[in-house]
Amino acid sequence: MSRTQCKFAANLTMMFKELPFLERFSAAAKAGFKAVEFLSPYEYSKEELLKQLQQNNLQLVLFNSAMGDISKGEWGLNAIPGREKDARENIHTALDYAIALKCPTIHLMAAVVPPDADYALYQQTFIDNVRYAAELYQKHNISIVLEALSPIVKPNYLFSSQFQSAELVKLINRPNVFIQFDVFHAQNVDGNITRLFEQMKDKIKHIQIASVPDRHEPDEGEIDYAYIFNLFEQNNYSDWIGCEYNPRANTQDGLLWLKNIVPRT
């Protein structure tokens, strides 16, 4: 049976933190990465980021829509009723960055839902905003991914389970909206990674990895990533795998896992 080889993108928000952000691009390239992702580009100009990508022959494969005011507990605006104007301005800003940086995929953040809020209203607001973005982004061949966040990382986020992600993708019903399958979050909430992936693989556009429970390199903890990477390859997953983990120490020193547990095909 034919196989598709795993391809990994360095997450520059979490990796190479021993360096200033703009120096992490060259560090990732020197470490052998051909692609990068990060949470937020908006504190830097499009020109600065494009320069780093081009100078280091890197492809940007994913970033997030704006998170809002983190100091006030916001973690995305796209699900907040009454904030549609702000959310849609952010959707356009994300598109501007994606076009300039040639990024094919954007993760649209939902929001934290206050315990006493109307959950159904938050969900419908999110659906409406993602549909708005999907129709706008499709004109530029840009995909949207939705990511479930486990409560241990972000309590009261709109959705925490991969099954909720899949249901939202179904409800939104747009051809360029997919699941962002973060193995760390999936294991913490749902478990049974093999069956989850096999069931949802046709709607998965981006994968992220980290060890569980400590969110370090994928060569420790309760997940057998040698098995998981082999699973991805056997199922011909061809999109990127983002390394969204906190290195135990120096980032470069921790990259031995790429040689030790990634399948050779």
C-alpha atoms as a PDB file:
ATOM      1  CA  MET A   1       0.000   0.000   0.000  1.00  0.00           C
ATOM      2  CA  SER A   2       1.276   3.482  -0.850  1.00  0.00           C
ATOM      3  CA  ARG A   3       2.093   5.835   1.996  1.00  0.00           C
ATOM      4  CA  THR A   4       2.378   9.592   2.368  1.00  0.00           C
ATOM      5  CA  GLN A   5       5.359  10.695   4.449  1.00  0.00           C
ATOM      6  CA  CYS A   6       4.693  12.925   7.467  1.00  0.00           C
ATOM      7  CA  LYS A   7       5.843  16.531   7.106  1.00  0.00           C
ATOM      8  CA  PHE A   8       6.371  18.723  10.147  1.00  0.00           C
ATOM      9  CA  ALA A   9       6.068  22.474  10.742  1.00  0.00           C
ATOM     10  CA  ALA A  10       7.784  24.190  13.664  1.00  0.00           C
ATOM     11  CA  ASN A  11       5.434  26.190  15.855  1.00  0.00           C
ATOM     12  CA  LEU A  12       7.413  29.395  16.394  1.00  0.00           C
ATOM     13  CA  THR A  13       5.210  30.605  19.246  1.00  0.00           C
ATOM     14  CA  MET A  14       6.204  27.645  21.391  1.00  0.00           C
ATOM     15  CA  MET A  15       9.502  26.441  19.948  1.00  0.00           C
ATOM     16  CA  PHE A  16      12.859  28.259  19.876  1.00  0.00           C
ATOM     17  CA  LYS A  17      11.717  30.569  22.692  1.00  0.00           C
ATOM     18  CA  GLU A  18      15.352  30.972  23.699  1.00  0.00           C
ATOM     19  CA  LEU A  19      15.454  33.456  20.771  1.00  0.00           C
ATOM     20  CA  PRO A  20      13.476  36.615  19.914  1.00  0.00           C
ATOM     21  CA  PHE A  21      10.544  35.782  17.666  1.00  0.00           C
ATOM     22  CA  LEU A  22      11.969  37.062  14.391  1.00  0.00           C
ATOM     23  CA  GLU A  23      15.149  35.044  14.930  1.00  0.00           C
ATOM     24  CA  ARG A  24      13.196  31.817  15.305  1.00  0.00           C
ATOM     25  CA  PHE A  25      12.637  31.540  11.556  1.00  0.00           C
ATOM     26  CA  SER A  26      16.326  31.038  10.802  1.00  0.00           C
ATOM     27  CA  ALA A  27      16.656  28.674  13.770  1.00  0.00           C
ATOM     28  CA  ALA A  28      13.815  26.540  12.433  1.00  0.00           C
ATOM     29  CA  ALA A  29      15.347  26.461   8.958  1.00  0.00           C
ATOM     30  CA  LYS A  30      18.762  25.504  10.340  1.00  0.00           C
ATOM     31  CA  ALA A  31      17.085  22.699  12.292  1.00  0.00           C
ATOM     32  CA  GLY A  32      15.753  21.300   9.016  1.00  0.00           C
ATOM     33  CA  PHE A  33      12.166  22.530   9.005  1.00  0.00           C
ATOM     34  CA  LYS A  34      10.651  23.547   5.678  1.00  0.00           C
ATOM     35  CA  ALA A  35       7.509  25.066   7.175  1.00  0.00           C
ATOM     36  CA  VAL A  36       6.366  27.010  10.224  1.00  0.00           C
ATOM     37  CA  GLU A  37       3.190  27.981  12.010  1.00  0.00           C
ATOM     38  CA  PHE A  38       2.478  30.367  14.880  1.00  0.00           C
ATOM     39  CA  LEU A  39      -0.412  31.670  16.897  1.00  0.00           C
ATOM     40  CA  SER A  40      -0.486  35.330  15.988  1.00  0.00           C
ATOM     41  CA  PRO A  41       1.238  37.435  13.316  1.00  0.00           C
ATOM     42  CA  TYR A  42      -0.461  40.725  14.079  1.00  0.00           C
ATOM     43  CA  GLU A  43       2.207  42.351  16.267  1.00  0.00           C
ATOM     44  CA  TYR A  44       4.546  42.277  13.258  1.00  0.00           C
ATOM     45  CA  SER A  45       4.172  43.808   9.831  1.00  0.00           C
ATOM     46  CA  LYS A  46       3.420  41.608   6.860  1.00  0.00           C
ATOM     47  CA  GLU A  47       6.671  42.844   5.301  1.00  0.00           C
ATOM     48  CA  GLU A  48       8.787  41.767   8.308  1.00  0.00           C
ATOM     49  CA  LEU A  49       7.282  38.304   8.360  1.00  0.00           C
ATOM     50  CA  LEU A  50       7.492  37.816   4.606  1.00  0.00           C
ATOM     51  CA  LYS A  51      11.168  38.770   4.692  1.00  0.00           C
ATOM     52  CA  GLN A  52      11.882  36.098   7.306  1.00  0.00           C
ATOM     53  CA  LEU A  53       9.959  33.460   5.377  1.00  0.00           C
ATOM     54  CA  GLN A  54      11.696  34.247   2.103  1.00  0.00           C
ATOM     55  CA  GLN A  55      15.199  34.579   3.516  1.00  0.00           C
ATOM     56  CA  ASN A  56      14.902  31.195   5.201  1.00  0.00           C
ATOM     57  CA  ASN A  57      13.002  29.390   2.410  1.00  0.00           C
ATOM     58  CA  LEU A  58      10.123  28.606   4.749  1.00  0.00           C
ATOM     59  CA  GLN A  59       6.442  28.098   4.046  1.00  0.00           C
ATOM     60  CA  LEU A  60       3.905  29.498   6.504  1.00  0.00           C
ATOM     61  CA  VAL A  61       1.171  26.894   6.852  1.00  0.00           C
ATOM     62  CA  LEU A  62      -1.084  28.136   9.668  1.00  0.00           C
ATOM     63  CA  PHE A  63      -1.863  31.014  12.001  1.00  0.00           C
ATOM     64  CA  ASN A  64      -4.851  32.056  14.122  1.00  0.00           C
ATOM     65  CA  SER A  65      -7.417  34.776  13.832  1.00  0.00           C
ATOM     66  CA  ALA A  66      -7.012  37.471  16.492  1.00  0.00           C
ATOM     67  CA  MET A  67      -7.633  36.391  20.068  1.00  0.00           C
ATOM     68  CA  GLY A  68      -9.010  39.678  21.385  1.00  0.00           C
ATOM     69  CA  ASP A  69      -8.044  41.089  24.773  1.00  0.00           C
ATOM     70  CA  ILE A  70      -6.379  38.189  26.581  1.00  0.00           C
ATOM     71  CA  SER A  71      -6.069  40.272  29.773  1.00  0.00           C
ATOM     72  CA  LYS A  72      -9.889  40.312  29.928  1.00  0.00           C
ATOM     73  CA  GLY A  73     -10.137  36.579  29.419  1.00  0.00           C
ATOM     74  CA  GLU A  74     -10.931  36.696  25.708  1.00  0.00           C
ATOM     75  CA  TRP A  75      -9.698  33.848  23.526  1.00  0.00           C
ATOM     76  CA  GLY A  76     -11.194  34.688  20.182  1.00  0.00           C
ATOM     77  CA  LEU A  77     -14.142  36.911  19.271  1.00  0.00           C
ATOM     78  CA  ASN A  78     -15.940  34.912  16.597  1.00  0.00           C
ATOM     79  CA  ALA A  79     -18.489  33.357  18.947  1.00  0.00           C
ATOM     80  CA  ILE A  80     -19.328  36.424  21.053  1.00  0.00           C
ATOM     81  CA  PRO A  81     -22.825  37.824  20.396  1.00  0.00           C
ATOM     82  CA  GLY A  82     -22.716  41.564  19.792  1.00  0.00           C
ATOM     83  CA  ARG A  83     -19.050  41.516  18.731  1.00  0.00           C
ATOM     84  CA  GLU A  84     -19.706  40.610  15.100  1.00  0.00           C
ATOM     85  CA  LYS A  85     -18.252  43.875  13.775  1.00  0.00           C
ATOM     86  CA  ASP A  86     -14.969  43.303  15.610  1.00  0.00           C
ATOM     87  CA  ALA A  87     -14.898  39.634  14.626  1.00  0.00           C
ATOM     88  CA  ARG A  88     -15.399  40.384  10.954  1.00  0.00           C
ATOM     89  CA  GLU A  89     -12.760  43.096  10.971  1.00  0.00           C
ATOM     90  CA  ASN A  90     -10.389  40.465  12.369  1.00  0.00           C
ATOM     91  CA  ILE A  91     -11.474  38.013   9.687  1.00  0.00           C
ATOM     92  CA  HIS A  92     -10.489  40.539   7.014  1.00  0.00           C
ATOM     93  CA  THR A  93      -7.185  41.306   8.743  1.00  0.00           C
ATOM     94  CA  ALA A  94      -6.351  37.602   8.880  1.00  0.00           C
ATOM     95  CA  LEU A  95      -7.123  37.332   5.176  1.00  0.00           C
ATOM     96  CA  ASP A  96      -4.795  40.244   4.394  1.00  0.00           C
ATOM     97  CA  TYR A  97      -1.965  38.513   6.252  1.00  0.00           C
ATOM     98  CA  ALA A  98      -2.704  35.141   4.658  1.00  0.00           C
ATOM     99  CA  ILE A  99      -2.608  36.587   1.155  1.00  0.00           C
ATOM    100  CA  ALA A 100       0.597  38.535   1.804  1.00  0.00           C
ATOM    101  CA  LEU A 101       2.333  35.581   3.479  1.00  0.00           C
ATOM    102  CA  LYS A 102       0.937  32.933   1.089  1.00  0.00           C
ATOM    103  CA  CYS A 103      -0.566  30.990   3.987  1.00  0.00           C
ATOM    104  CA  PRO A 104      -3.183  28.434   2.859  1.00  0.00           C
ATOM    105  CA  THR A 105      -4.940  27.828   6.187  1.00  0.00           C
ATOM    106  CA  ILE A 106      -6.297  29.991   9.015  1.00  0.00           C
ATOM    107  CA  HIS A 107      -7.507  28.754  12.393  1.00  0.00           C
ATOM    108  CA  LEU A 108     -10.593  30.781  13.334  1.00  0.00           C
ATOM    109  CA  MET A 109     -10.755  31.167  17.105  1.00  0.00           C
ATOM    110  CA  ALA A 110     -14.199  30.842  18.711  1.00  0.00           C
ATOM    111  CA  ALA A 111     -14.428  32.329  22.221  1.00  0.00           C
ATOM    112  CA  VAL A 112     -14.677  31.572  25.903  1.00  0.00           C
ATOM    113  CA  VAL A 113     -18.316  31.182  26.925  1.00  0.00           C
ATOM    114  CA  PRO A 114     -19.193  32.562  30.391  1.00  0.00           C
ATOM    115  CA  PRO A 115     -20.850  29.874  32.557  1.00  0.00           C
ATOM    116  CA  ASP A 116     -24.136  31.786  32.748  1.00  0.00           C
ATOM    117  CA  ALA A 117     -24.263  32.680  29.030  1.00  0.00           C
ATOM    118  CA  ASP A 118     -26.608  31.331  26.351  1.00  0.00           C
ATOM    119  CA  TYR A 119     -24.422  28.624  24.814  1.00  0.00           C
ATOM    120  CA  ALA A 120     -26.692  28.151  21.788  1.00  0.00           C
ATOM    121  CA  LEU A 121     -26.429  31.854  20.951  1.00  0.00           C
ATOM    122  CA  TYR A 122     -22.628  31.740  21.158  1.00  0.00           C
ATOM    123  CA  GLN A 123     -22.549  28.681  18.925  1.00  0.00           C
ATOM    124  CA  GLN A 124     -24.834  30.243  16.325  1.00  0.00           C
ATOM    125  CA  THR A 125     -22.762  33.436  16.334  1.00  0.00           C
ATOM    126  CA  PHE A 126     -19.681  31.336  15.659  1.00  0.00           C
ATOM    127  CA  ILE A 127     -21.381  29.441  12.851  1.00  0.00           C
ATOM    128  CA  ASP A 128     -22.496  32.697  11.210  1.00  0.00           C
ATOM    129  CA  ASN A 129     -19.047  34.274  11.429  1.00  0.00           C
ATOM    130  CA  VAL A 130     -17.268  31.179  10.105  1.00  0.00           C
ATOM    131  CA  ARG A 131     -19.680  31.010   7.178  1.00  0.00           C
ATOM    132  CA  TYR A 132     -18.964  34.664   6.460  1.00  0.00           C
ATOM    133  CA  ALA A 133     -15.216  33.997   6.536  1.00  0.00           C
ATOM    134  CA  ALA A 134     -15.490  30.796   4.509  1.00  0.00           C
ATOM    135  CA  GLU A 135     -17.206  32.490   1.609  1.00  0.00           C
ATOM    136  CA  LEU A 136     -14.695  35.334   1.696  1.00  0.00           C
ATOM    137  CA  TYR A 137     -11.654  33.061   1.969  1.00  0.00           C
ATOM    138  CA  GLN A 138     -12.780  30.595  -0.681  1.00  0.00           C
ATOM    139  CA  LYS A 139     -12.241  33.268  -3.329  1.00  0.00           C
ATOM    140  CA  HIS A 140      -8.550  33.144  -2.406  1.00  0.00           C
ATOM    141  CA  ASN A 141      -8.311  29.344  -2.044  1.00  0.00           C
ATOM    142  CA  ILE A 142      -7.775  29.630   1.715  1.00  0.00           C
ATOM    143  CA  SER A 143      -9.074  26.989   4.114  1.00  0.00           C
ATOM    144  CA  ILE A 144     -10.446  27.473   7.624  1.00  0.00           C
ATOM    145  CA  VAL A 145      -9.831  25.045  10.472  1.00  0.00           C
ATOM    146  CA  LEU A 146     -11.630  24.760  13.804  1.00  0.00           C
ATOM    147  CA  GLU A 147      -9.803  23.512  16.891  1.00  0.00           C
ATOM    148  CA  ALA A 148     -11.288  22.022  20.044  1.00  0.00           C
ATOM    149  CA  LEU A 149      -9.401  23.174  23.166  1.00  0.00           C
ATOM    150  CA  SER A 150      -9.272  20.978  26.251  1.00  0.00           C
ATOM    151  CA  PRO A 151     -10.529  22.508  29.525  1.00  0.00           C
ATOM    152  CA  ILE A 152      -7.147  22.074  31.202  1.00  0.00           C
ATOM    153  CA  VAL A 153      -5.754  24.606  28.711  1.00  0.00           C
ATOM    154  CA  LYS A 154      -8.720  26.905  28.137  1.00  0.00           C
ATOM    155  CA  PRO A 155     -11.713  26.380  30.461  1.00  0.00           C
ATOM    156  CA  ASN A 156     -15.140  27.231  29.021  1.00  0.00           C
ATOM    157  CA  TYR A 157     -13.952  27.482  25.414  1.00  0.00           C
ATOM    158  CA  LEU A 158     -16.877  27.038  23.027  1.00  0.00           C
ATOM    159  CA  PHE A 159     -15.928  23.444  22.211  1.00  0.00           C
ATOM    160  CA  SER A 160     -13.500  20.935  23.689  1.00  0.00           C
ATOM    161  CA  SER A 161     -14.177  17.624  21.918  1.00  0.00           C
ATOM    162  CA  GLN A 162     -13.243  16.485  18.422  1.00  0.00           C
ATOM    163  CA  PHE A 163     -16.837  15.322  18.083  1.00  0.00           C
ATOM    164  CA  GLN A 164     -17.970  18.918  18.651  1.00  0.00           C
ATOM    165  CA  SER A 165     -15.465  20.068  16.022  1.00  0.00           C
ATOM    166  CA  ALA A 166     -16.877  17.580  13.550  1.00  0.00           C
ATOM    167  CA  GLU A 167     -20.444  18.639  14.318  1.00  0.00           C
ATOM    168  CA  LEU A 168     -19.589  22.315  13.853  1.00  0.00           C
ATOM    169  CA  VAL A 169     -17.939  21.605  10.506  1.00  0.00           C
ATOM    170  CA  LYS A 170     -21.116  19.763   9.490  1.00  0.00           C
ATOM    171  CA  LEU A 171     -23.395  22.596  10.654  1.00  0.00           C
ATOM    172  CA  ILE A 172     -21.289  25.291   8.985  1.00  0.00           C
ATOM    173  CA  ASN A 173     -21.449  23.253   5.778  1.00  0.00           C
ATOM    174  CA  ARG A 174     -18.863  25.070   3.685  1.00  0.00           C
ATOM    175  CA  PRO A 175     -16.371  23.217   1.466  1.00  0.00           C
ATOM    176  CA  ASN A 176     -13.296  25.020   2.825  1.00  0.00           C
ATOM    177  CA  VAL A 177     -13.998  24.487   6.557  1.00  0.00           C
ATOM    178  CA  PHE A 178     -12.180  21.609   8.262  1.00  0.00           C
ATOM    179  CA  ILE A 179     -11.049  20.169  11.602  1.00  0.00           C
ATOM    180  CA  GLN A 180      -7.735  21.115  13.192  1.00  0.00           C
ATOM    181  CA  PHE A 181      -6.871  17.848  14.927  1.00  0.00           C
ATOM    182  CA  ASP A 182      -4.653  18.626  17.906  1.00  0.00           C
ATOM    183  CA  VAL A 183      -3.582  15.265  19.337  1.00  0.00           C
ATOM    184  CA  PHE A 184      -2.760  16.796  22.734  1.00  0.00           C
ATOM    185  CA  HIS A 185      -6.261  18.234  23.154  1.00  0.00           C
ATOM    186  CA  ALA A 186      -7.908  15.161  21.637  1.00  0.00           C
ATOM    187  CA  GLN A 187      -6.177  12.776  24.028  1.00  0.00           C
ATOM    188  CA  ASN A 188      -7.028  14.932  27.048  1.00  0.00           C
ATOM    189  CA  VAL A 189     -10.728  15.068  26.167  1.00  0.00           C
ATOM    190  CA  ASP A 190     -11.677  12.148  23.936  1.00  0.00           C
ATOM    191  CA  GLY A 191      -8.870   9.579  23.932  1.00  0.00           C
ATOM    192  CA  ASN A 192      -8.889   6.725  21.419  1.00  0.00           C
ATOM    193  CA  ILE A 193      -6.818   8.702  18.907  1.00  0.00           C
ATOM    194  CA  THR A 194      -6.783   5.923  16.311  1.00  0.00           C
ATOM    195  CA  ARG A 195     -10.540   5.681  16.008  1.00  0.00           C
ATOM    196  CA  LEU A 196     -10.994   9.461  16.188  1.00  0.00           C
ATOM    197  CA  PHE A 197      -8.548  10.017  13.358  1.00  0.00           C
ATOM    198  CA  GLU A 198      -9.915   7.216  11.191  1.00  0.00           C
ATOM    199  CA  GLN A 199     -13.466   8.472  11.679  1.00  0.00           C
ATOM    200  CA  MET A 200     -12.695  12.141  10.978  1.00  0.00           C
ATOM    201  CA  LYS A 201      -9.720  12.008   8.593  1.00  0.00           C
ATOM    202  CA  ASP A 202     -11.691  13.192   5.562  1.00  0.00           C
ATOM    203  CA  LYS A 203     -12.418  16.483   7.331  1.00  0.00           C
ATOM    204  CA  ILE A 204      -9.008  16.987   8.978  1.00  0.00           C
ATOM    205  CA  LYS A 205      -6.907  19.696   7.331  1.00  0.00           C
ATOM    206  CA  HIS A 206      -4.191  20.290   9.936  1.00  0.00           C
ATOM    207  CA  ILE A 207      -2.718  18.249  12.791  1.00  0.00           C
ATOM    208  CA  GLN A 208      -0.785  19.410  15.856  1.00  0.00           C
ATOM    209  CA  ILE A 209       1.217  17.287  18.276  1.00  0.00           C
ATOM    210  CA  ALA A 210       2.664  17.331  21.792  1.00  0.00           C
ATOM    211  CA  SER A 211       3.198  14.830  24.563  1.00  0.00           C
ATOM    212  CA  VAL A 212       0.481  14.132  27.118  1.00  0.00           C
ATOM    213  CA  PRO A 213       0.233  15.115  29.914  1.00  0.00           C
ATOM    214  CA  ASP A 214       3.083  17.654  29.957  1.00  0.00           C
ATOM    215  CA  ARG A 215       2.916  19.085  26.404  1.00  0.00           C
ATOM    216  CA  HIS A 216       6.609  18.531  25.635  1.00  0.00           C
ATOM    217  CA  GLU A 217       8.363  16.742  22.781  1.00  0.00           C
ATOM    218  CA  PRO A 218       6.398  13.768  21.440  1.00  0.00           C
ATOM    219  CA  ASP A 219       8.965  11.224  22.656  1.00  0.00           C
ATOM    220  CA  GLU A 220       7.570  11.065  26.196  1.00  0.00           C
ATOM    221  CA  GLY A 221       4.249  10.599  27.953  1.00  0.00           C
ATOM    222  CA  GLU A 222       1.273   8.364  27.369  1.00  0.00           C
ATOM    223  CA  ILE A 223       0.950   8.640  23.569  1.00  0.00           C
ATOM    224  CA  ASP A 224       2.985   6.296  21.359  1.00  0.00           C
ATOM    225  CA  TYR A 225       3.793   8.781  18.618  1.00  0.00           C
ATOM    226  CA  ALA A 226       5.788   6.260  16.579  1.00  0.00           C
ATOM    227  CA  TYR A 227       2.477   4.408  16.222  1.00  0.00           C
ATOM    228  CA  ILE A 228       0.519   7.638  15.619  1.00  0.00           C
ATOM    229  CA  PHE A 229       2.850   8.886  12.878  1.00  0.00           C
ATOM    230  CA  ASN A 230       2.662   5.495  11.224  1.00  0.00           C
ATOM    231  CA  LEU A 231      -1.137   5.740  11.426  1.00  0.00           C
ATOM    232  CA  PHE A 232      -1.065   9.108   9.660  1.00  0.00           C
ATOM    233  CA  GLU A 233       1.233   7.778   6.946  1.00  0.00           C
ATOM    234  CA  GLN A 234      -0.763   4.610   6.358  1.00  0.00           C
ATOM    235  CA  ASN A 235      -3.895   6.728   5.908  1.00  0.00           C
ATOM    236  CA  ASN A 236      -2.071   9.016   3.476  1.00  0.00           C
ATOM    237  CA  TYR A 237      -2.531  12.177   5.514  1.00  0.00           C
ATOM    238  CA  SER A 238      -0.799  14.734   3.287  1.00  0.00           C
ATOM    239  CA  ASP A 239      -1.222  18.050   5.110  1.00  0.00           C
ATOM    240  CA  TRP A 240       1.140  19.517   7.696  1.00  0.00           C
ATOM    241  CA  ILE A 241       1.749  18.413  11.275  1.00  0.00           C
ATOM    242  CA  GLY A 242       2.449  21.357  13.565  1.00  0.00           C
ATOM    243  CA  CYS A 243       4.885  20.815  16.439  1.00  0.00           C
ATOM    244  CA  GLU A 244       2.930  22.791  19.035  1.00  0.00           C
ATOM    245  CA  TYR A 245       4.802  21.793  22.167  1.00  0.00           C
ATOM    246  CA  ASN A 246       6.863  23.396  24.926  1.00  0.00           C
ATOM    247  CA  PRO A 247      10.436  22.087  24.650  1.00  0.00           C
ATOM    248  CA  ARG A 248      11.765  20.520  27.841  1.00  0.00           C
ATOM    249  CA  ALA A 249      14.928  22.636  27.538  1.00  0.00           C
ATOM    250  CA  ASN A 250      16.829  23.883  24.495  1.00  0.00           C
ATOM    251  CA  THR A 251      14.654  23.415  21.399  1.00  0.00           C
ATOM    252  CA  GLN A 252      17.415  22.075  19.177  1.00  0.00           C
ATOM    253  CA  ASP A 253      18.489  19.492  21.753  1.00  0.00           C
ATOM    254  CA  GLY A 254      14.955  18.166  21.936  1.00  0.00           C
ATOM    255  CA  LEU A 255      14.622  17.519  18.207  1.00  0.00           C
ATOM    256  CA  LEU A 256      16.153  14.055  18.330  1.00  0.00           C
ATOM    257  CA  TRP A 257      12.604  12.702  18.247  1.00  0.00           C
ATOM    258  CA  LEU A 258      12.494  13.550  14.527  1.00  0.00           C
ATOM    259  CA  LYS A 259      15.152  10.896  13.945  1.00  0.00           C
ATOM    260  CA  ASN A 260      14.095   8.424  16.607  1.00  0.00           C
ATOM    261  CA  ILE A 261      10.330   8.025  16.217  1.00  0.00           C
ATOM    262  CA  VAL A 262       9.342   9.345  12.780  1.00  0.00           C
ATOM    263  CA  PRO A 263       8.715   6.443  10.344  1.00  0.00           C
ATOM    264  CA  ARG A 264      11.167   5.955   7.484  1.00  0.00           C
ATOM    265  CA  THR A 265       9.341   5.442   4.186  1.00  0.00           C
END
